[in-house]
Amino acid sequence: MDDHKIVQRNIALQREWYGEPLGDRVRRLVVAFDVSQAYLAEVLGISAPMLSQVMSGRRAKIGNPVVLARLIMLERKVLTPDVAAGTKEALRTALEDVKASRPTVNRDSFPVGLGPDETTVLGTLREIAEEENLLEAAERLDTEFPAIADLLRRAGKTQ
């Protein structure tokens, strides 16, 4: 398989696994935090060449789940008011917090879940739908929206 086809296949896999190409996600973070790609790699805990390969599609995935967790943590921090406003101190603090984080990653404690609001979200879903409806909705959404399907399953299973 030639290089172009490998890159196209890897980018297609990234869309499937991560919702969109990782290059798009990383570029948004570079712009949002006004940092170099090399510094972002340092914050994430990945080498700059490896991040470049993932962004360009020469590699399909981020092999270390902690690095992926940090990427998602940064994406969420972009949504906080001070970071979204571009406050230099808030940007610096967010980057330092993520860089210093040591997330433990397993099925039950993935650090990028809904966080403190998870109970509220799951409770609201349980109030508006019965268990079987939540599980049926999860089945229907599983192929195209696996994260939403997982949330519905968790709401349905703990009623």
Protein backbone atom coordinates (compact mmCIF):
# COMPACT_ATOMS: atom_id res chain seq x y z
CA MET A 1 0.00 0.00 0.00
CA ASP A 2 1.50 3.37 -0.93
CA ASP A 3 1.94 6.20 1.61
CA HIS A 4 -1.04 8.23 0.38
CA LYS A 5 -3.42 5.29 0.81
CA ILE A 6 -2.03 4.53 4.26
CA VAL A 7 -2.55 8.15 5.34
CA GLN A 8 -6.11 8.16 3.96
CA ARG A 9 -6.89 4.88 5.74
CA ASN A 10 -5.43 6.19 9.00
CA ILE A 11 -7.42 9.41 8.79
CA ALA A 12 -10.58 7.38 8.14
CA LEU A 13 -9.78 5.28 11.22
CA GLN A 14 -9.25 8.44 13.27
CA ARG A 15 -12.70 9.66 12.22
CA GLU A 16 -14.16 6.35 13.34
CA TRP A 17 -12.24 6.15 16.63
CA TYR A 18 -12.02 9.81 17.67
CA GLY A 19 -14.92 11.47 15.85
CA GLU A 20 -12.66 13.45 13.49
CA PRO A 21 -9.05 13.50 12.33
CA LEU A 22 -6.66 14.11 15.21
CA GLY A 23 -4.86 16.75 13.16
CA ASP A 24 -8.01 18.92 13.27
CA ARG A 25 -8.38 18.47 17.02
CA VAL A 26 -4.74 19.24 17.75
CA ARG A 27 -4.65 22.28 15.45
CA ARG A 28 -7.65 23.75 17.31
CA LEU A 29 -5.78 23.35 20.60
CA VAL A 30 -2.61 24.94 19.19
CA VAL A 31 -4.68 27.96 18.12
CA ALA A 32 -6.85 28.12 21.26
CA PHE A 33 -3.89 28.00 23.63
CA ASP A 34 -1.56 29.97 21.34
CA VAL A 35 1.27 27.45 21.70
CA SER A 36 3.56 25.58 19.37
CA GLN A 37 2.81 22.02 18.35
CA ALA A 38 6.02 20.96 20.11
CA TYR A 39 4.93 22.55 23.40
CA LEU A 40 1.48 20.99 23.11
CA ALA A 41 3.16 17.61 22.64
CA GLU A 42 5.10 18.22 25.86
CA VAL A 43 1.88 19.10 27.72
CA LEU A 44 0.19 15.96 26.42
CA GLY A 45 3.16 13.75 27.31
CA ILE A 46 3.98 12.61 23.78
CA SER A 47 7.04 13.31 21.65
CA ALA A 48 6.73 16.08 19.09
CA PRO A 49 7.56 13.72 16.18
CA MET A 50 4.91 11.23 17.35
CA LEU A 51 2.29 13.99 17.61
CA SER A 52 3.24 15.15 14.12
CA GLN A 53 2.82 11.62 12.75
CA VAL A 54 -0.61 11.26 14.37
CA MET A 55 -1.68 14.68 13.07
CA SER A 56 -0.58 13.95 9.52
CA GLY A 57 -2.16 10.51 9.47
CA ARG A 58 1.12 8.63 9.19
CA ARG A 59 0.00 6.98 12.44
CA ALA A 60 -3.63 6.14 13.11
CA LYS A 61 -3.88 6.29 16.87
CA ILE A 62 -2.58 7.67 20.10
CA GLY A 63 -1.37 4.51 21.78
CA ASN A 64 -1.18 5.88 25.32
CA PRO A 65 -4.63 6.38 26.88
CA VAL A 66 -3.22 8.96 29.31
CA VAL A 67 -2.17 11.14 26.36
CA LEU A 68 -5.68 10.87 24.91
CA ALA A 69 -7.14 11.74 28.32
CA ARG A 70 -4.99 14.87 28.47
CA LEU A 71 -6.02 15.86 24.95
CA ILE A 72 -9.68 15.63 25.94
CA MET A 73 -9.00 17.47 29.20
CA LEU A 74 -7.51 20.36 27.20
CA GLU A 75 -10.48 20.35 24.83
CA ARG A 76 -12.78 20.70 27.82
CA LYS A 77 -10.69 23.46 29.36
CA VAL A 78 -11.14 25.49 26.15
CA LEU A 79 -14.82 25.70 27.11
CA THR A 80 -14.18 27.37 30.47
CA PRO A 81 -14.94 31.12 30.43
CA ASP A 82 -11.44 32.46 31.20
CA VAL A 83 -9.73 30.14 28.72
CA ALA A 84 -12.36 30.83 26.06
CA ALA A 85 -11.77 34.55 26.60
CA GLY A 86 -8.08 34.00 25.95
CA THR A 87 -6.89 35.26 29.32
CA LYS A 88 -3.12 34.60 29.30
CA GLU A 89 -3.04 33.49 32.94
CA ALA A 90 -5.99 31.13 32.41
CA LEU A 91 -4.35 29.63 29.31
CA ARG A 92 -1.07 29.10 31.15
CA THR A 93 -2.78 27.61 34.21
CA ALA A 94 -4.89 25.24 32.09
CA LEU A 95 -1.82 23.98 30.23
CA GLU A 96 0.15 23.53 33.46
CA ASP A 97 -2.75 21.70 35.14
CA VAL A 98 -3.05 19.24 32.27
CA LYS A 99 0.70 18.77 31.97
CA ALA A 100 0.97 18.02 35.70
CA SER A 101 -2.04 15.70 35.70
CA ARG A 102 -1.50 12.01 36.19
CA PRO A 103 -4.84 10.58 35.14
CA THR A 104 -5.54 6.97 35.99
CA VAL A 105 -7.21 5.39 33.05
CA ASN A 106 -9.52 2.43 33.29
CA ARG A 107 -13.07 1.70 32.26
CA ASP A 108 -14.59 3.04 35.47
CA SER A 109 -12.40 6.06 36.08
CA PHE A 110 -11.58 7.54 32.68
CA PRO A 111 -10.84 11.16 33.68
CA VAL A 112 -12.79 12.74 30.86
CA GLY A 113 -16.26 11.57 31.79
CA LEU A 114 -19.00 14.02 32.53
CA GLY A 115 -17.43 14.84 35.86
CA PRO A 116 -19.45 16.34 38.70
CA ASP A 117 -22.46 16.88 36.47
CA GLU A 118 -22.66 13.21 35.50
CA THR A 119 -25.10 12.40 38.30
CA THR A 120 -27.35 15.24 37.20
CA VAL A 121 -27.28 14.19 33.55
CA LEU A 122 -27.92 10.53 34.32
CA GLY A 123 -30.68 11.49 36.76
CA THR A 124 -32.36 13.71 34.18
CA LEU A 125 -32.25 10.96 31.58
CA ARG A 126 -33.80 8.54 34.08
CA GLU A 127 -36.57 11.02 34.83
CA ILE A 128 -37.59 11.41 31.20
CA ALA A 129 -37.27 7.82 29.98
CA GLU A 130 -37.69 4.31 31.26
CA GLU A 131 -34.79 1.86 31.40
CA GLU A 132 -35.85 -0.11 28.32
CA ASN A 133 -36.25 3.10 26.28
CA LEU A 134 -32.77 4.29 27.25
CA LEU A 135 -31.25 0.94 26.33
CA GLU A 136 -33.15 0.80 23.02
CA ALA A 137 -32.04 4.34 22.17
CA ALA A 138 -28.44 3.32 22.97
CA GLU A 139 -28.72 0.38 20.56
CA ARG A 140 -29.97 2.67 17.78
CA LEU A 141 -27.25 5.27 18.32
CA ASP A 142 -24.36 2.90 18.93
CA THR A 143 -23.00 2.83 15.37
CA GLU A 144 -22.90 6.55 14.65
CA PHE A 145 -22.80 8.07 18.14
CA PRO A 146 -21.06 5.59 20.46
CA ALA A 147 -20.35 8.11 23.24
CA ILE A 148 -24.01 9.12 23.46
CA ALA A 149 -25.01 5.46 23.34
CA ASP A 150 -22.66 4.71 26.24
CA LEU A 151 -24.20 7.53 28.29
CA LEU A 152 -27.70 6.20 27.61
CA ARG A 153 -26.61 2.68 28.57
CA ARG A 154 -25.17 3.92 31.85
CA ALA A 155 -28.38 5.79 32.60
CA GLY A 156 -30.49 2.76 31.72
CA LYS A 157 -28.47 0.19 33.64
CA THR A 158 -28.45 1.96 36.97
CA GLN A 159 -32.15 2.66 37.32
